[in-house]
């Protein structure tokens, strides 16, 4: 695979350049490390000492930073992958959840080669709405366990896609209503 070729990404999302962030995206990014910590915290395991706690926190913040770097790559059209399918080594897939979503929803994948050391898949979900040509709407930062450690990974993924769709649809509806209200007030 030629990792410098981003033509498949540009073709799939239509060369979109304008990025929006929903309140749910911001909230999910803000709580990302806490949710990871809670997922990894095993009450039956020995308590972490201060040094171990700091090491884990650094690793969790690094994981979040990796996901946000991937989002920045997408915003500047540098996302990599041969096509929009769920192939190993591809950083993205678009659309996902087809037929079950209101908006065309896509995902960025971190890590690109599968799961991380905790056997988790990290995702940045976005919408590329046909009603807003040229726009990507960042909707949800989430993670799910790998199928090797969880039987309900698919249900978690479907819930994330539905949540990203709802977030994007609400954002679009609210923004369009605001623009319509301003236009109405300015009309003679």
C-alpha atoms as a PDB file:
ATOM      1  CA  UNK A   1       0.000   0.000   0.000  1.00  0.00           C
ATOM      2  CA  UNK A   2       1.251   3.473  -0.875  1.00  0.00           C
ATOM      3  CA  UNK A   3       0.875   5.376   2.387  1.00  0.00           C
ATOM      4  CA  UNK A   4       1.244   8.744   0.649  1.00  0.00           C
ATOM      5  CA  UNK A   5      -1.852   8.208  -1.504  1.00  0.00           C
ATOM      6  CA  UNK A   6      -4.924   9.896  -0.025  1.00  0.00           C
ATOM      7  CA  UNK A   7      -7.003   9.896  -3.204  1.00  0.00           C
ATOM      8  CA  UNK A   8      -9.390   7.221  -1.881  1.00  0.00           C
ATOM      9  CA  UNK A   9     -10.119   9.353   1.209  1.00  0.00           C
ATOM     10  CA  UNK A  10     -10.696  12.473  -0.918  1.00  0.00           C
ATOM     11  CA  UNK A  11     -12.973  10.576  -3.295  1.00  0.00           C
ATOM     12  CA  UNK A  12     -15.040   8.975  -0.520  1.00  0.00           C
ATOM     13  CA  UNK A  13     -15.681  12.114   1.523  1.00  0.00           C
ATOM     14  CA  UNK A  14     -15.885  14.391  -1.497  1.00  0.00           C
ATOM     15  CA  UNK A  15     -12.854  16.536  -0.733  1.00  0.00           C
ATOM     16  CA  UNK A  16     -14.567  18.072   2.253  1.00  0.00           C
ATOM     17  CA  UNK A  17     -12.614  20.844   3.901  1.00  0.00           C
ATOM     18  CA  UNK A  18     -14.939  22.501   6.424  1.00  0.00           C
ATOM     19  CA  UNK A  19     -14.903  20.821   9.868  1.00  0.00           C
ATOM     20  CA  UNK A  20     -17.486  21.190  12.614  1.00  0.00           C
ATOM     21  CA  UNK A  21     -17.488  19.681  16.101  1.00  0.00           C
ATOM     22  CA  UNK A  22     -20.671  18.735  17.918  1.00  0.00           C
ATOM     23  CA  UNK A  23     -21.030  19.299  21.668  1.00  0.00           C
ATOM     24  CA  UNK A  24     -21.093  15.490  21.989  1.00  0.00           C
ATOM     25  CA  UNK A  25     -17.708  15.264  20.234  1.00  0.00           C
ATOM     26  CA  UNK A  26     -16.220  17.762  22.668  1.00  0.00           C
ATOM     27  CA  UNK A  27     -17.752  15.960  25.658  1.00  0.00           C
ATOM     28  CA  UNK A  28     -16.567  12.563  24.417  1.00  0.00           C
ATOM     29  CA  UNK A  29     -13.007  13.887  23.929  1.00  0.00           C
ATOM     30  CA  UNK A  30     -13.088  15.525  27.358  1.00  0.00           C
ATOM     31  CA  UNK A  31     -14.134  12.283  29.088  1.00  0.00           C
ATOM     32  CA  UNK A  32     -12.099   9.890  26.921  1.00  0.00           C
ATOM     33  CA  UNK A  33      -9.273   9.240  29.389  1.00  0.00           C
ATOM     34  CA  UNK A  34     -11.726   8.787  32.309  1.00  0.00           C
ATOM     35  CA  UNK A  35     -13.758   6.237  30.333  1.00  0.00           C
ATOM     36  CA  UNK A  36     -10.582   4.369  29.356  1.00  0.00           C
ATOM     37  CA  UNK A  37      -9.415   4.371  32.969  1.00  0.00           C
ATOM     38  CA  UNK A  38     -12.771   3.043  34.169  1.00  0.00           C
ATOM     39  CA  UNK A  39     -12.757   0.329  31.506  1.00  0.00           C
ATOM     40  CA  UNK A  40      -9.264  -0.830  32.457  1.00  0.00           C
ATOM     41  CA  UNK A  41      -9.766  -0.551  36.212  1.00  0.00           C
ATOM     42  CA  UNK A  42     -10.168  -4.007  37.700  1.00  0.00           C
ATOM     43  CA  UNK A  43     -11.424  -3.834  41.302  1.00  0.00           C
ATOM     44  CA  UNK A  44     -10.078  -7.322  41.998  1.00  0.00           C
ATOM     45  CA  UNK A  45      -6.559  -6.452  40.782  1.00  0.00           C
ATOM     46  CA  UNK A  46      -3.910  -5.175  43.183  1.00  0.00           C
ATOM     47  CA  UNK A  47      -4.096  -1.417  43.652  1.00  0.00           C
ATOM     48  CA  UNK A  48      -1.685   0.575  41.478  1.00  0.00           C
ATOM     49  CA  UNK A  49       1.016   2.504  43.281  1.00  0.00           C
ATOM     50  CA  UNK A  50       1.653   6.171  42.442  1.00  0.00           C
ATOM     51  CA  UNK A  51       4.287   5.407  39.815  1.00  0.00           C
ATOM     52  CA  UNK A  52       2.098   2.801  38.113  1.00  0.00           C
ATOM     53  CA  UNK A  53      -0.848   5.205  38.162  1.00  0.00           C
ATOM     54  CA  UNK A  54       1.218   7.926  36.449  1.00  0.00           C
ATOM     55  CA  UNK A  55       2.494   5.480  33.827  1.00  0.00           C
ATOM     56  CA  UNK A  56      -1.057   4.355  33.027  1.00  0.00           C
ATOM     57  CA  UNK A  57      -2.331   7.952  32.869  1.00  0.00           C
ATOM     58  CA  UNK A  58       0.458   8.904  30.468  1.00  0.00           C
ATOM     59  CA  UNK A  59      -0.384   5.898  28.289  1.00  0.00           C
ATOM     60  CA  UNK A  60      -4.097   6.780  28.273  1.00  0.00           C
ATOM     61  CA  UNK A  61      -3.403  10.421  27.395  1.00  0.00           C
ATOM     62  CA  UNK A  62      -1.058   9.234  24.648  1.00  0.00           C
ATOM     63  CA  UNK A  63      -3.827   7.018  23.254  1.00  0.00           C
ATOM     64  CA  UNK A  64      -6.202   9.990  23.174  1.00  0.00           C
ATOM     65  CA  UNK A  65      -3.512  12.160  21.541  1.00  0.00           C
ATOM     66  CA  UNK A  66      -2.975   9.511  18.845  1.00  0.00           C
ATOM     67  CA  UNK A  67      -6.689   9.529  18.028  1.00  0.00           C
ATOM     68  CA  UNK A  68      -6.807  13.339  17.877  1.00  0.00           C
ATOM     69  CA  UNK A  69      -3.694  13.402  15.639  1.00  0.00           C
ATOM     70  CA  UNK A  70      -5.542  11.085  13.269  1.00  0.00           C
ATOM     71  CA  UNK A  71      -8.477  13.527  13.226  1.00  0.00           C
ATOM     72  CA  UNK A  72      -6.098  16.369  12.369  1.00  0.00           C
ATOM     73  CA  UNK A  73      -4.661  14.293   9.510  1.00  0.00           C
ATOM     74  CA  UNK A  74      -8.190  13.837   8.164  1.00  0.00           C
ATOM     75  CA  UNK A  75      -8.935  17.548   8.455  1.00  0.00           C
ATOM     76  CA  UNK A  76      -5.956  18.385   6.235  1.00  0.00           C
ATOM     77  CA  UNK A  77      -6.615  15.531   3.778  1.00  0.00           C
ATOM     78  CA  UNK A  78      -3.659  13.348   4.778  1.00  0.00           C
ATOM     79  CA  UNK A  79      -5.570  10.280   5.931  1.00  0.00           C
ATOM     80  CA  UNK A  80      -4.199   7.023   4.542  1.00  0.00           C
ATOM     81  CA  UNK A  81      -5.737   3.871   3.220  1.00  0.00           C
ATOM     82  CA  UNK A  82      -6.273   2.102  -0.066  1.00  0.00           C
ATOM     83  CA  UNK A  83     -10.082   2.349  -0.070  1.00  0.00           C
ATOM     84  CA  UNK A  84     -13.034   2.823   2.234  1.00  0.00           C
ATOM     85  CA  UNK A  85     -13.330  -0.775   3.389  1.00  0.00           C
ATOM     86  CA  UNK A  86     -12.464  -2.301   6.718  1.00  0.00           C
ATOM     87  CA  UNK A  87      -9.139  -3.700   5.539  1.00  0.00           C
ATOM     88  CA  UNK A  88      -6.215  -4.157   7.897  1.00  0.00           C
ATOM     89  CA  UNK A  89      -3.956  -1.119   7.812  1.00  0.00           C
ATOM     90  CA  UNK A  90      -6.623   1.294   6.636  1.00  0.00           C
ATOM     91  CA  UNK A  91      -7.066   4.396   8.828  1.00  0.00           C
ATOM     92  CA  UNK A  92     -10.698   4.965   7.891  1.00  0.00           C
ATOM     93  CA  UNK A  93     -13.988   3.562   6.685  1.00  0.00           C
ATOM     94  CA  UNK A  94     -16.874   5.462   5.110  1.00  0.00           C
ATOM     95  CA  UNK A  95     -19.765   4.934   5.261  1.00  0.00           C
ATOM     96  CA  UNK A  96     -20.343   2.681   8.267  1.00  0.00           C
ATOM     97  CA  UNK A  97     -23.731   1.550   9.517  1.00  0.00           C
ATOM     98  CA  UNK A  98     -25.287   2.151   6.098  1.00  0.00           C
ATOM     99  CA  UNK A  99     -29.042   1.871   5.999  1.00  0.00           C
ATOM    100  CA  UNK A 100     -29.312   2.423   9.746  1.00  0.00           C
ATOM    101  CA  UNK A 101     -28.206   6.045   9.929  1.00  0.00           C
ATOM    102  CA  UNK A 102     -29.760   9.381   9.019  1.00  0.00           C
ATOM    103  CA  UNK A 103     -26.421  10.902   7.996  1.00  0.00           C
ATOM    104  CA  UNK A 104     -23.554   9.237   6.121  1.00  0.00           C
ATOM    105  CA  UNK A 105     -21.294   8.258   9.064  1.00  0.00           C
ATOM    106  CA  UNK A 106     -17.625   7.317   8.843  1.00  0.00           C
ATOM    107  CA  UNK A 107     -14.891   6.357  11.261  1.00  0.00           C
ATOM    108  CA  UNK A 108     -11.190   6.909  11.701  1.00  0.00           C
ATOM    109  CA  UNK A 109      -9.355   3.932  13.202  1.00  0.00           C
ATOM    110  CA  UNK A 110      -6.614   3.997  15.792  1.00  0.00           C
ATOM    111  CA  UNK A 111      -4.523   1.927  15.719  1.00  0.00           C
ATOM    112  CA  UNK A 112      -4.706   1.315  12.012  1.00  0.00           C
ATOM    113  CA  UNK A 113      -3.447  -2.293  12.282  1.00  0.00           C
ATOM    114  CA  UNK A 114      -6.180  -3.585  14.624  1.00  0.00           C
ATOM    115  CA  UNK A 115      -6.302  -3.280  18.401  1.00  0.00           C
ATOM    116  CA  UNK A 116      -3.919  -1.772  20.945  1.00  0.00           C
ATOM    117  CA  UNK A 117      -2.116  -3.452  23.869  1.00  0.00           C
ATOM    118  CA  UNK A 118      -5.347  -3.434  25.891  1.00  0.00           C
ATOM    119  CA  UNK A 119      -7.110  -5.121  22.941  1.00  0.00           C
ATOM    120  CA  UNK A 120      -9.145  -1.979  22.269  1.00  0.00           C
ATOM    121  CA  UNK A 121     -10.105  -0.280  19.019  1.00  0.00           C
ATOM    122  CA  UNK A 122     -10.289   3.533  19.176  1.00  0.00           C
ATOM    123  CA  UNK A 123     -12.585   5.438  16.833  1.00  0.00           C
ATOM    124  CA  UNK A 124     -13.306   9.013  15.805  1.00  0.00           C
ATOM    125  CA  UNK A 125     -16.746   9.088  14.202  1.00  0.00           C
ATOM    126  CA  UNK A 126     -17.742  11.777  11.720  1.00  0.00           C
ATOM    127  CA  UNK A 127     -20.626  12.638   9.429  1.00  0.00           C
ATOM    128  CA  UNK A 128     -20.232  13.829   5.852  1.00  0.00           C
ATOM    129  CA  UNK A 129     -23.779  15.072   5.265  1.00  0.00           C
ATOM    130  CA  UNK A 130     -25.036  15.421   1.722  1.00  0.00           C
ATOM    131  CA  UNK A 131     -27.053  18.464   2.859  1.00  0.00           C
ATOM    132  CA  UNK A 132     -23.805  20.247   3.787  1.00  0.00           C
ATOM    133  CA  UNK A 133     -21.444  19.641   0.856  1.00  0.00           C
ATOM    134  CA  UNK A 134     -17.831  20.260   1.787  1.00  0.00           C
ATOM    135  CA  UNK A 135     -18.338  19.630   5.505  1.00  0.00           C
ATOM    136  CA  UNK A 136     -17.244  16.989   7.979  1.00  0.00           C
ATOM    137  CA  UNK A 137     -18.964  16.934  11.361  1.00  0.00           C
ATOM    138  CA  UNK A 138     -16.985  15.303  14.169  1.00  0.00           C
ATOM    139  CA  UNK A 139     -19.511  13.483  16.344  1.00  0.00           C
ATOM    140  CA  UNK A 140     -18.001  10.986  18.794  1.00  0.00           C
ATOM    141  CA  UNK A 141     -14.682   9.728  20.159  1.00  0.00           C
ATOM    142  CA  UNK A 142     -15.098   6.168  21.429  1.00  0.00           C
ATOM    143  CA  UNK A 143     -13.407   2.824  21.962  1.00  0.00           C
ATOM    144  CA  UNK A 144     -14.608  -0.741  21.883  1.00  0.00           C
ATOM    145  CA  UNK A 145     -13.046  -4.016  22.984  1.00  0.00           C
ATOM    146  CA  UNK A 146     -11.681  -6.394  20.389  1.00  0.00           C
ATOM    147  CA  UNK A 147     -13.850  -9.368  19.483  1.00  0.00           C
ATOM    148  CA  UNK A 148     -11.223 -11.621  21.063  1.00  0.00           C
ATOM    149  CA  UNK A 149     -12.140 -10.312  24.543  1.00  0.00           C
ATOM    150  CA  UNK A 150     -15.782  -9.302  24.147  1.00  0.00           C
ATOM    151  CA  UNK A 151     -18.837 -10.967  22.730  1.00  0.00           C
ATOM    152  CA  UNK A 152     -20.789  -7.713  22.511  1.00  0.00           C
ATOM    153  CA  UNK A 153     -18.239  -5.673  20.539  1.00  0.00           C
ATOM    154  CA  UNK A 154     -20.607  -5.435  17.545  1.00  0.00           C
ATOM    155  CA  UNK A 155     -23.436  -4.099  19.705  1.00  0.00           C
ATOM    156  CA  UNK A 156     -21.063  -1.517  21.186  1.00  0.00           C
ATOM    157  CA  UNK A 157     -19.958  -0.484  17.705  1.00  0.00           C
ATOM    158  CA  UNK A 158     -23.578  -0.183  16.521  1.00  0.00           C
ATOM    159  CA  UNK A 159     -24.388   1.949  19.583  1.00  0.00           C
ATOM    160  CA  UNK A 160     -21.417   4.226  18.825  1.00  0.00           C
ATOM    161  CA  UNK A 161     -22.515   4.626  15.201  1.00  0.00           C
ATOM    162  CA  UNK A 162     -26.083   5.425  16.303  1.00  0.00           C
ATOM    163  CA  UNK A 163     -24.807   7.931  18.860  1.00  0.00           C
ATOM    164  CA  UNK A 164     -22.572   9.613  16.247  1.00  0.00           C
ATOM    165  CA  UNK A 165     -25.513   9.773  13.825  1.00  0.00           C
ATOM    166  CA  UNK A 166     -27.808  11.300  16.445  1.00  0.00           C
ATOM    167  CA  UNK A 167     -25.153  13.845  17.438  1.00  0.00           C
ATOM    168  CA  UNK A 168     -24.537  14.924  13.830  1.00  0.00           C
ATOM    169  CA  UNK A 169     -28.248  15.066  12.962  1.00  0.00           C
ATOM    170  CA  UNK A 170     -29.024  17.169  16.032  1.00  0.00           C
ATOM    171  CA  UNK A 171     -26.137  19.505  15.226  1.00  0.00           C
ATOM    172  CA  UNK A 172     -27.267  19.932  11.591  1.00  0.00           C
ATOM    173  CA  UNK A 173     -30.905  20.486  12.564  1.00  0.00           C
ATOM    174  CA  UNK A 174     -29.996  23.055  15.233  1.00  0.00           C
ATOM    175  CA  UNK A 175     -27.554  24.896  12.951  1.00  0.00           C
ATOM    176  CA  UNK A 176     -30.005  24.993  10.044  1.00  0.00           C
ATOM    177  CA  UNK A 177     -32.754  26.296  12.367  1.00  0.00           C
ATOM    178  CA  UNK A 178     -30.434  29.044  13.620  1.00  0.00           C
ATOM    179  CA  UNK A 179     -29.575  30.101  10.063  1.00  0.00           C
ATOM    180  CA  UNK A 180     -33.277  30.044   9.070  1.00  0.00           C
ATOM    181  CA  UNK A 181     -34.172  32.181  12.106  1.00  0.00           C
ATOM    182  CA  UNK A 182     -31.484  34.745  11.265  1.00  0.00           C
ATOM    183  CA  UNK A 183     -32.603  34.812   7.630  1.00  0.00           C
ATOM    184  CA  UNK A 184     -36.222  35.261   8.710  1.00  0.00           C
ATOM    185  CA  UNK A 185     -35.320  38.174  11.023  1.00  0.00           C
ATOM    186  CA  UNK A 186     -33.320  39.868   8.254  1.00  0.00           C
ATOM    187  CA  UNK A 187     -35.974  39.414   5.583  1.00  0.00           C
ATOM    188  CA  UNK A 188     -38.186  42.417   4.793  1.00  0.00           C
END
